[in-house]
Amino acid sequence: MQQTDACFVLGGNSYERGLAAFDIYQKFPTQQFVATGGNYPYQILCLDTSMVEAALTHHFMLSLGVPDAQVDTLTQSHSTRDEAEEILHYCQEHQLKKVMIISSAFHMRRVRWVFEELFTDAGIEVLFHGASAMEYDSGNWWKNEEGLIMANNEMVKLFYYLLKY
């Protein structure tokens, strides 16, 4: 783990990924972050709000103590590929040369595959950090329903990305 021009917290599990970002902030207090994701986590609608994933992650990071000035948001993406393209545009616009991507550890194979292709071609160094799962042990994921669901979803997504991209 090292400080980068910006650390992008992908949409999805705002809690796990927000905690991983906070760990980085504690090691590198001047690190800049960008939370991404334009999907609505429908469970949050129960609280009479329609925060997209990026706003939810931003809110959580602020509640942990990351200063607002160090957390930006990107809200147009709805998939990992969309996020990679939106983040690449952001990096080019802000002339960033070295960035970190945070996602769930279980997703890293697909995330690396999507990001490395785009970012290598653009001359941007990209590092990856996997957020630990809270609902299952990654060492024996098959013993937990949430771990099985995550594995199933990831296999389907890998196959989909292989066909589509």
N, C-alpha and C. Protein backbone atom coordinates (compact mmCIF):
# COMPACT_ATOMS: atom_id res chain seq x y z
N MET A 1 0.85 -1.17 0.00
CA MET A 1 0.00 0.00 0.00
C MET A 1 0.89 1.24 0.00
N GLN A 2 0.52 2.19 -0.82
CA GLN A 2 1.28 3.44 -0.90
C GLN A 2 0.37 4.59 -1.30
N GLN A 3 0.80 5.79 -1.01
CA GLN A 3 0.02 6.96 -1.37
C GLN A 3 0.07 7.13 -2.88
N THR A 4 -1.06 7.56 -3.44
CA THR A 4 -1.18 7.76 -4.88
C THR A 4 -1.78 9.14 -5.14
N ASP A 5 -1.89 9.49 -6.42
CA ASP A 5 -2.51 10.77 -6.77
C ASP A 5 -3.97 10.80 -6.34
N ALA A 6 -4.63 9.65 -6.41
CA ALA A 6 -6.02 9.52 -5.95
C ALA A 6 -6.33 8.05 -5.72
N CYS A 7 -7.23 7.82 -4.81
CA CYS A 7 -7.68 6.47 -4.48
C CYS A 7 -9.18 6.41 -4.80
N PHE A 8 -9.56 5.52 -5.70
CA PHE A 8 -10.95 5.40 -6.14
C PHE A 8 -11.62 4.24 -5.43
N VAL A 9 -12.73 4.54 -4.77
CA VAL A 9 -13.50 3.54 -4.02
C VAL A 9 -14.69 3.17 -4.89
N LEU A 10 -14.65 1.96 -5.46
CA LEU A 10 -15.69 1.56 -6.40
C LEU A 10 -17.03 1.38 -5.71
N GLY A 11 -18.09 1.60 -6.48
CA GLY A 11 -19.44 1.42 -5.98
C GLY A 11 -19.70 -0.04 -5.65
N GLY A 12 -20.68 -0.26 -4.83
CA GLY A 12 -21.00 -1.62 -4.41
C GLY A 12 -21.19 -1.64 -2.92
N ASN A 13 -20.31 -2.28 -2.22
CA ASN A 13 -20.43 -2.40 -0.77
C ASN A 13 -19.77 -1.19 -0.10
N SER A 14 -20.56 -0.17 0.14
CA SER A 14 -20.03 1.09 0.70
C SER A 14 -19.40 0.89 2.06
N TYR A 15 -19.92 -0.04 2.83
CA TYR A 15 -19.40 -0.26 4.19
C TYR A 15 -17.99 -0.87 4.13
N GLU A 16 -17.85 -2.02 3.48
CA GLU A 16 -16.55 -2.68 3.42
C GLU A 16 -15.51 -1.83 2.70
N ARG A 17 -15.89 -1.27 1.60
CA ARG A 17 -14.95 -0.48 0.80
C ARG A 17 -14.64 0.86 1.47
N GLY A 18 -15.63 1.43 2.15
CA GLY A 18 -15.39 2.65 2.92
C GLY A 18 -14.42 2.43 4.06
N LEU A 19 -14.55 1.27 4.73
CA LEU A 19 -13.60 0.91 5.80
C LEU A 19 -12.19 0.75 5.25
N ALA A 20 -12.08 0.10 4.09
CA ALA A 20 -10.76 -0.08 3.47
C ALA A 20 -10.15 1.28 3.12
N ALA A 21 -10.98 2.19 2.62
CA ALA A 21 -10.49 3.54 2.30
C ALA A 21 -10.05 4.27 3.57
N PHE A 22 -10.81 4.09 4.64
CA PHE A 22 -10.44 4.73 5.90
C PHE A 22 -9.11 4.20 6.42
N ASP A 23 -8.85 2.92 6.25
CA ASP A 23 -7.54 2.35 6.63
C ASP A 23 -6.42 3.04 5.86
N ILE A 24 -6.64 3.28 4.59
CA ILE A 24 -5.63 3.97 3.78
C ILE A 24 -5.46 5.41 4.27
N TYR A 25 -6.58 6.06 4.56
CA TYR A 25 -6.53 7.43 5.08
C TYR A 25 -5.71 7.49 6.38
N GLN A 26 -5.88 6.50 7.25
CA GLN A 26 -5.13 6.50 8.51
C GLN A 26 -3.63 6.36 8.27
N LYS A 27 -3.24 5.64 7.26
CA LYS A 27 -1.82 5.48 6.94
C LYS A 27 -1.28 6.69 6.16
N PHE A 28 -2.15 7.27 5.33
CA PHE A 28 -1.76 8.40 4.47
C PHE A 28 -2.80 9.50 4.63
N PRO A 29 -2.68 10.34 5.67
CA PRO A 29 -3.71 11.34 5.99
C PRO A 29 -3.96 12.41 4.93
N THR A 30 -3.10 12.54 3.93
CA THR A 30 -3.33 13.53 2.88
C THR A 30 -3.87 12.89 1.59
N GLN A 31 -4.12 11.59 1.63
CA GLN A 31 -4.61 10.88 0.45
C GLN A 31 -5.94 11.47 -0.03
N GLN A 32 -6.06 11.65 -1.33
CA GLN A 32 -7.31 12.09 -1.94
C GLN A 32 -8.10 10.86 -2.36
N PHE A 33 -9.43 10.91 -2.20
CA PHE A 33 -10.31 9.78 -2.52
C PHE A 33 -11.40 10.24 -3.48
N VAL A 34 -11.87 9.30 -4.27
CA VAL A 34 -13.03 9.52 -5.13
C VAL A 34 -13.92 8.29 -5.00
N ALA A 35 -15.13 8.50 -4.51
CA ALA A 35 -16.11 7.41 -4.42
C ALA A 35 -16.89 7.38 -5.72
N THR A 36 -17.13 6.17 -6.24
CA THR A 36 -17.81 6.04 -7.52
C THR A 36 -19.10 5.22 -7.38
N GLY A 37 -19.90 5.28 -8.40
CA GLY A 37 -21.10 4.44 -8.46
C GLY A 37 -22.38 5.23 -8.56
N GLY A 38 -23.14 4.97 -9.61
CA GLY A 38 -24.40 5.66 -9.82
C GLY A 38 -25.63 4.81 -9.55
N ASN A 39 -25.42 3.59 -9.06
CA ASN A 39 -26.56 2.72 -8.74
C ASN A 39 -27.17 3.10 -7.41
N TYR A 40 -28.45 2.80 -7.26
CA TYR A 40 -29.15 3.02 -5.99
C TYR A 40 -29.19 1.72 -5.22
N PRO A 41 -28.60 1.68 -4.02
CA PRO A 41 -28.78 0.50 -3.16
C PRO A 41 -30.21 0.57 -2.60
N TYR A 42 -31.09 -0.25 -3.13
CA TYR A 42 -32.53 -0.10 -2.85
C TYR A 42 -32.89 -0.19 -1.37
N GLN A 43 -32.08 -0.86 -0.57
CA GLN A 43 -32.38 -0.94 0.86
C GLN A 43 -32.39 0.44 1.51
N ILE A 44 -31.61 1.36 0.98
CA ILE A 44 -31.52 2.70 1.57
C ILE A 44 -32.79 3.50 1.35
N LEU A 45 -33.61 3.10 0.38
CA LEU A 45 -34.87 3.80 0.15
C LEU A 45 -35.78 3.72 1.37
N CYS A 46 -35.57 2.73 2.23
CA CYS A 46 -36.35 2.61 3.47
C CYS A 46 -36.12 3.80 4.39
N LEU A 47 -35.02 4.50 4.19
CA LEU A 47 -34.69 5.67 5.01
C LEU A 47 -35.12 6.97 4.35
N ASP A 48 -35.99 6.87 3.37
CA ASP A 48 -36.49 8.04 2.65
C ASP A 48 -35.39 8.87 2.01
N THR A 49 -34.42 8.19 1.43
CA THR A 49 -33.36 8.87 0.69
C THR A 49 -33.08 8.07 -0.57
N SER A 50 -32.56 8.72 -1.54
CA SER A 50 -32.22 8.04 -2.79
C SER A 50 -30.74 8.26 -3.12
N MET A 51 -29.89 8.12 -2.13
CA MET A 51 -28.45 8.28 -2.32
C MET A 51 -27.90 7.21 -3.25
N VAL A 52 -27.14 7.62 -4.24
CA VAL A 52 -26.44 6.64 -5.07
C VAL A 52 -25.24 6.11 -4.29
N GLU A 53 -24.66 5.02 -4.80
CA GLU A 53 -23.55 4.37 -4.09
C GLU A 53 -22.41 5.34 -3.76
N ALA A 54 -22.03 6.18 -4.71
CA ALA A 54 -20.94 7.12 -4.46
C ALA A 54 -21.24 8.05 -3.30
N ALA A 55 -22.47 8.56 -3.23
CA ALA A 55 -22.86 9.46 -2.13
C ALA A 55 -22.89 8.71 -0.80
N LEU A 56 -23.34 7.48 -0.83
CA LEU A 56 -23.37 6.67 0.39
C LEU A 56 -21.96 6.41 0.92
N THR A 57 -21.06 6.04 0.02
CA THR A 57 -19.66 5.82 0.42
C THR A 57 -19.04 7.11 0.94
N HIS A 58 -19.29 8.21 0.25
CA HIS A 58 -18.79 9.53 0.67
C HIS A 58 -19.29 9.85 2.08
N HIS A 59 -20.57 9.68 2.30
CA HIS A 59 -21.17 9.94 3.61
C HIS A 59 -20.52 9.07 4.70
N PHE A 60 -20.34 7.80 4.41
CA PHE A 60 -19.73 6.89 5.38
C PHE A 60 -18.29 7.28 5.69
N MET A 61 -17.53 7.62 4.67
CA MET A 61 -16.13 8.02 4.90
C MET A 61 -16.05 9.28 5.76
N LEU A 62 -16.96 10.23 5.52
CA LEU A 62 -16.99 11.44 6.36
C LEU A 62 -17.31 11.07 7.80
N SER A 63 -18.24 10.14 8.00
CA SER A 63 -18.62 9.74 9.37
C SER A 63 -17.46 9.07 10.09
N LEU A 64 -16.53 8.48 9.33
CA LEU A 64 -15.35 7.85 9.94
C LEU A 64 -14.25 8.86 10.27
N GLY A 65 -14.35 10.05 9.66
CA GLY A 65 -13.37 11.10 9.96
C GLY A 65 -12.53 11.56 8.79
N VAL A 66 -12.80 11.06 7.59
CA VAL A 66 -12.08 11.55 6.42
C VAL A 66 -12.64 12.93 6.08
N PRO A 67 -11.79 13.96 5.93
CA PRO A 67 -12.29 15.31 5.64
C PRO A 67 -13.02 15.38 4.30
N ASP A 68 -14.08 16.15 4.27
CA ASP A 68 -14.90 16.31 3.07
C ASP A 68 -14.06 16.78 1.88
N ALA A 69 -13.09 17.63 2.12
CA ALA A 69 -12.26 18.15 1.04
C ALA A 69 -11.41 17.07 0.38
N GLN A 70 -11.30 15.91 1.01
CA GLN A 70 -10.48 14.83 0.47
C GLN A 70 -11.31 13.72 -0.18
N VAL A 71 -12.62 13.93 -0.31
CA VAL A 71 -13.48 12.90 -0.92
C VAL A 71 -14.35 13.53 -2.00
N ASP A 72 -14.09 13.14 -3.22
CA ASP A 72 -14.89 13.58 -4.36
C ASP A 72 -15.82 12.43 -4.75
N THR A 73 -16.76 12.65 -5.65
CA THR A 73 -17.65 11.59 -6.11
C THR A 73 -17.79 11.62 -7.63
N LEU A 74 -17.98 10.43 -8.19
CA LEU A 74 -18.33 10.24 -9.59
C LEU A 74 -19.58 9.38 -9.60
N THR A 75 -20.64 9.84 -10.25
CA THR A 75 -21.94 9.18 -10.08
C THR A 75 -22.58 8.68 -11.37
N GLN A 76 -21.85 8.61 -12.45
CA GLN A 76 -22.47 8.22 -13.73
C GLN A 76 -22.33 6.74 -14.08
N SER A 77 -21.52 6.00 -13.36
CA SER A 77 -21.24 4.61 -13.73
C SER A 77 -22.19 3.62 -13.05
N HIS A 78 -22.45 2.52 -13.78
CA HIS A 78 -23.37 1.50 -13.28
C HIS A 78 -22.78 0.10 -13.34
N SER A 79 -21.52 -0.03 -13.73
CA SER A 79 -20.84 -1.32 -13.77
C SER A 79 -19.35 -1.08 -13.59
N THR A 80 -18.60 -2.14 -13.37
CA THR A 80 -17.15 -2.00 -13.20
C THR A 80 -16.52 -1.40 -14.46
N ARG A 81 -16.97 -1.83 -15.61
CA ARG A 81 -16.44 -1.28 -16.87
C ARG A 81 -16.77 0.22 -16.98
N ASP A 82 -18.01 0.58 -16.67
CA ASP A 82 -18.39 2.01 -16.67
C ASP A 82 -17.49 2.80 -15.72
N GLU A 83 -17.25 2.24 -14.52
CA GLU A 83 -16.41 2.92 -13.54
C GLU A 83 -15.00 3.11 -14.08
N ALA A 84 -14.45 2.07 -14.71
CA ALA A 84 -13.10 2.17 -15.26
C ALA A 84 -13.01 3.30 -16.29
N GLU A 85 -14.01 3.39 -17.15
CA GLU A 85 -14.01 4.44 -18.17
C GLU A 85 -14.20 5.83 -17.56
N GLU A 86 -15.11 5.93 -16.58
CA GLU A 86 -15.34 7.21 -15.92
C GLU A 86 -14.10 7.65 -15.13
N ILE A 87 -13.47 6.71 -14.45
CA ILE A 87 -12.26 7.01 -13.68
C ILE A 87 -11.11 7.39 -14.61
N LEU A 88 -10.97 6.68 -15.73
CA LEU A 88 -9.91 7.01 -16.69
C LEU A 88 -10.08 8.44 -17.19
N HIS A 89 -11.30 8.82 -17.53
CA HIS A 89 -11.57 10.20 -17.97
C HIS A 89 -11.19 11.19 -16.87
N TYR A 90 -11.57 10.90 -15.63
CA TYR A 90 -11.23 11.75 -14.48
C TYR A 90 -9.71 11.89 -14.35
N CYS A 91 -9.01 10.77 -14.47
CA CYS A 91 -7.54 10.79 -14.35
C CYS A 91 -6.90 11.63 -15.44
N GLN A 92 -7.40 11.48 -16.65
CA GLN A 92 -6.85 12.26 -17.76
C GLN A 92 -7.16 13.74 -17.59
N GLU A 93 -8.37 14.04 -17.15
CA GLU A 93 -8.77 15.43 -16.93
C GLU A 93 -7.95 16.09 -15.83
N HIS A 94 -7.59 15.32 -14.79
CA HIS A 94 -6.83 15.85 -13.66
C HIS A 94 -5.35 15.51 -13.73
N GLN A 95 -4.91 14.95 -14.83
CA GLN A 95 -3.51 14.60 -15.08
C GLN A 95 -2.92 13.72 -13.97
N LEU A 96 -3.67 12.70 -13.56
CA LEU A 96 -3.21 11.77 -12.54
C LEU A 96 -2.39 10.68 -13.20
N LYS A 97 -1.29 10.31 -12.55
CA LYS A 97 -0.38 9.32 -13.13
C LYS A 97 -0.30 8.01 -12.34
N LYS A 98 -0.74 8.06 -11.08
CA LYS A 98 -0.67 6.86 -10.24
C LYS A 98 -1.89 6.86 -9.33
N VAL A 99 -2.72 5.82 -9.47
CA VAL A 99 -3.96 5.75 -8.71
C VAL A 99 -4.12 4.37 -8.07
N MET A 100 -5.00 4.32 -7.08
CA MET A 100 -5.34 3.06 -6.44
C MET A 100 -6.84 2.83 -6.61
N ILE A 101 -7.20 1.57 -6.82
CA ILE A 101 -8.58 1.17 -6.95
C ILE A 101 -8.93 0.26 -5.77
N ILE A 102 -10.00 0.61 -5.06
CA ILE A 102 -10.50 -0.23 -3.97
C ILE A 102 -11.79 -0.89 -4.40
N SER A 103 -11.84 -2.19 -4.26
CA SER A 103 -13.07 -2.94 -4.47
C SER A 103 -13.04 -4.11 -3.49
N SER A 104 -14.03 -4.93 -3.53
CA SER A 104 -14.04 -6.12 -2.68
C SER A 104 -12.94 -7.07 -3.13
N ALA A 105 -12.26 -7.68 -2.18
CA ALA A 105 -11.16 -8.59 -2.50
C ALA A 105 -11.61 -9.69 -3.45
N PHE A 106 -12.81 -10.16 -3.28
CA PHE A 106 -13.35 -11.24 -4.10
C PHE A 106 -13.48 -10.83 -5.57
N HIS A 107 -13.55 -9.55 -5.86
CA HIS A 107 -13.75 -9.04 -7.22
C HIS A 107 -12.45 -8.68 -7.92
N MET A 108 -11.33 -8.79 -7.22
CA MET A 108 -10.08 -8.23 -7.75
C MET A 108 -9.65 -8.80 -9.09
N ARG A 109 -9.87 -10.07 -9.36
CA ARG A 109 -9.45 -10.63 -10.65
C ARG A 109 -10.11 -9.86 -11.79
N ARG A 110 -11.43 -9.70 -11.70
CA ARG A 110 -12.17 -9.00 -12.75
C ARG A 110 -11.81 -7.50 -12.78
N VAL A 111 -11.71 -6.89 -11.61
CA VAL A 111 -11.39 -5.46 -11.54
C VAL A 111 -10.02 -5.20 -12.17
N ARG A 112 -9.04 -6.02 -11.82
CA ARG A 112 -7.70 -5.84 -12.40
C ARG A 112 -7.74 -6.00 -13.92
N TRP A 113 -8.46 -7.00 -14.37
CA TRP A 113 -8.55 -7.27 -15.80
C TRP A 113 -9.13 -6.06 -16.54
N VAL A 114 -10.21 -5.49 -16.01
CA VAL A 114 -10.88 -4.35 -16.65
C VAL A 114 -10.00 -3.11 -16.60
N PHE A 115 -9.44 -2.80 -15.45
CA PHE A 115 -8.69 -1.55 -15.29
C PHE A 115 -7.32 -1.59 -15.95
N GLU A 116 -6.59 -2.69 -15.80
CA GLU A 116 -5.21 -2.72 -16.31
C GLU A 116 -5.15 -2.49 -17.81
N GLU A 117 -6.08 -3.05 -18.54
CA GLU A 117 -6.08 -2.87 -19.99
C GLU A 117 -6.23 -1.39 -20.37
N LEU A 118 -7.23 -0.73 -19.78
CA LEU A 118 -7.48 0.68 -20.11
C LEU A 118 -6.37 1.60 -19.61
N PHE A 119 -5.91 1.37 -18.40
CA PHE A 119 -4.97 2.30 -17.77
C PHE A 119 -3.55 2.13 -18.29
N THR A 120 -3.16 0.91 -18.61
CA THR A 120 -1.83 0.68 -19.18
C THR A 120 -1.72 1.41 -20.51
N ASP A 121 -2.75 1.29 -21.33
CA ASP A 121 -2.75 1.97 -22.63
C ASP A 121 -2.69 3.49 -22.47
N ALA A 122 -3.22 4.01 -21.36
CA ALA A 122 -3.23 5.46 -21.12
C ALA A 122 -1.97 5.94 -20.40
N GLY A 123 -1.09 5.01 -20.00
CA GLY A 123 0.13 5.39 -19.30
C GLY A 123 -0.08 5.78 -17.85
N ILE A 124 -1.13 5.25 -17.24
CA ILE A 124 -1.42 5.55 -15.83
C ILE A 124 -1.16 4.29 -15.00
N GLU A 125 -0.32 4.43 -13.98
CA GLU A 125 -0.05 3.30 -13.09
C GLU A 125 -1.24 3.09 -12.17
N VAL A 126 -1.69 1.86 -12.07
CA VAL A 126 -2.85 1.57 -11.24
C VAL A 126 -2.50 0.47 -10.24
N LEU A 127 -2.79 0.76 -8.98
CA LEU A 127 -2.60 -0.20 -7.89
C LEU A 127 -3.98 -0.66 -7.42
N PHE A 128 -4.04 -1.80 -6.76
CA PHE A 128 -5.32 -2.35 -6.33
C PHE A 128 -5.27 -2.72 -4.86
N HIS A 129 -6.41 -2.50 -4.21
CA HIS A 129 -6.53 -2.86 -2.80
C HIS A 129 -7.88 -3.54 -2.59
N GLY A 130 -7.85 -4.76 -2.09
CA GLY A 130 -9.08 -5.51 -1.87
C GLY A 130 -9.61 -5.32 -0.46
N ALA A 131 -10.86 -4.89 -0.38
CA ALA A 131 -11.53 -4.73 0.92
C ALA A 131 -11.95 -6.10 1.43
N SER A 132 -11.74 -6.33 2.70
CA SER A 132 -12.10 -7.61 3.32
C SER A 132 -13.61 -7.73 3.44
N ALA A 133 -14.09 -8.95 3.25
CA ALA A 133 -15.52 -9.22 3.41
C ALA A 133 -15.87 -9.23 4.90
N MET A 134 -17.03 -8.71 5.23
CA MET A 134 -17.47 -8.67 6.62
C MET A 134 -18.40 -9.84 6.95
N GLU A 135 -19.10 -10.38 5.93
CA GLU A 135 -20.13 -11.37 6.18
C GLU A 135 -19.65 -12.81 6.04
N TYR A 136 -18.43 -13.01 5.56
CA TYR A 136 -17.89 -14.37 5.42
C TYR A 136 -16.38 -14.30 5.45
N ASP A 137 -15.77 -15.44 5.70
CA ASP A 137 -14.31 -15.56 5.73
C ASP A 137 -13.85 -15.95 4.33
N SER A 138 -12.98 -15.15 3.74
CA SER A 138 -12.54 -15.44 2.37
C SER A 138 -11.77 -16.75 2.28
N GLY A 139 -11.27 -17.24 3.39
CA GLY A 139 -10.55 -18.52 3.40
C GLY A 139 -11.45 -19.73 3.33
N ASN A 140 -12.72 -19.56 3.70
CA ASN A 140 -13.68 -20.67 3.59
C ASN A 140 -15.07 -20.13 3.21
N TRP A 141 -15.11 -19.35 2.16
CA TRP A 141 -16.32 -18.69 1.69
C TRP A 141 -17.46 -19.66 1.41
N TRP A 142 -17.13 -20.88 1.03
CA TRP A 142 -18.14 -21.88 0.68
C TRP A 142 -18.94 -22.37 1.88
N LYS A 143 -18.53 -22.00 3.08
CA LYS A 143 -19.24 -22.43 4.28
C LYS A 143 -20.29 -21.41 4.73
N ASN A 144 -20.48 -20.36 3.95
CA ASN A 144 -21.39 -19.29 4.32
C ASN A 144 -22.26 -18.92 3.12
N GLU A 145 -23.54 -18.71 3.35
CA GLU A 145 -24.45 -18.38 2.25
C GLU A 145 -24.00 -17.13 1.51
N GLU A 146 -23.58 -16.09 2.23
CA GLU A 146 -23.14 -14.86 1.57
C GLU A 146 -21.90 -15.11 0.71
N GLY A 147 -20.99 -15.96 1.18
CA GLY A 147 -19.81 -16.31 0.40
C GLY A 147 -20.18 -17.06 -0.87
N LEU A 148 -21.13 -17.96 -0.78
CA LEU A 148 -21.60 -18.69 -1.96
C LEU A 148 -22.25 -17.76 -2.97
N ILE A 149 -23.06 -16.84 -2.49
CA ILE A 149 -23.72 -15.87 -3.37
C ILE A 149 -22.67 -15.01 -4.06
N MET A 150 -21.68 -14.55 -3.31
CA MET A 150 -20.62 -13.72 -3.88
C MET A 150 -19.85 -14.49 -4.96
N ALA A 151 -19.51 -15.74 -4.67
CA ALA A 151 -18.77 -16.55 -5.65
C ALA A 151 -19.61 -16.75 -6.92
N ASN A 152 -20.88 -17.07 -6.75
CA ASN A 152 -21.76 -17.28 -7.89
C ASN A 152 -21.87 -16.00 -8.72
N ASN A 153 -22.12 -14.88 -8.08
CA ASN A 153 -22.24 -13.61 -8.79
C ASN A 153 -20.96 -13.26 -9.54
N GLU A 154 -19.83 -13.50 -8.90
CA GLU A 154 -18.55 -13.15 -9.53
C GLU A 154 -18.28 -14.05 -10.73
N MET A 155 -18.61 -15.32 -10.65
CA MET A 155 -18.41 -16.21 -11.79
C MET A 155 -19.28 -15.77 -12.98
N VAL A 156 -20.52 -15.41 -12.70
CA VAL A 156 -21.41 -14.93 -13.75
C VAL A 156 -20.85 -13.64 -14.36
N LYS A 157 -20.37 -12.73 -13.53
CA LYS A 157 -19.82 -11.47 -14.03
C LYS A 157 -18.56 -11.70 -14.86
N LEU A 158 -17.69 -12.61 -14.41
CA LEU A 158 -16.49 -12.92 -15.19
C LEU A 158 -16.87 -13.43 -16.58
N PHE A 159 -17.83 -14.34 -16.63
CA PHE A 159 -18.28 -14.88 -17.90
C PHE A 159 -18.89 -13.78 -18.77
N TYR A 160 -19.71 -12.93 -18.18
CA TYR A 160 -20.33 -11.82 -18.91
C TYR A 160 -19.26 -10.88 -19.47
N TYR A 161 -18.28 -10.52 -18.66
CA TYR A 161 -17.23 -9.61 -19.10
C TYR A 161 -16.39 -10.24 -20.19
N LEU A 162 -16.17 -11.54 -20.10
CA LEU A 162 -15.40 -12.25 -21.14
C LEU A 162 -16.14 -12.17 -22.47
N LEU A 163 -17.45 -12.35 -22.45
CA LEU A 163 -18.24 -12.28 -23.68
C LEU A 163 -18.38 -10.87 -24.20
N LYS A 164 -18.62 -9.91 -23.33
CA LYS A 164 -18.92 -8.55 -23.74
C LYS A 164 -17.67 -7.73 -24.11
N TYR A 165 -16.59 -7.92 -23.38
CA TYR A 165 -15.42 -7.07 -23.60
C TYR A 165 -14.23 -7.89 -24.08
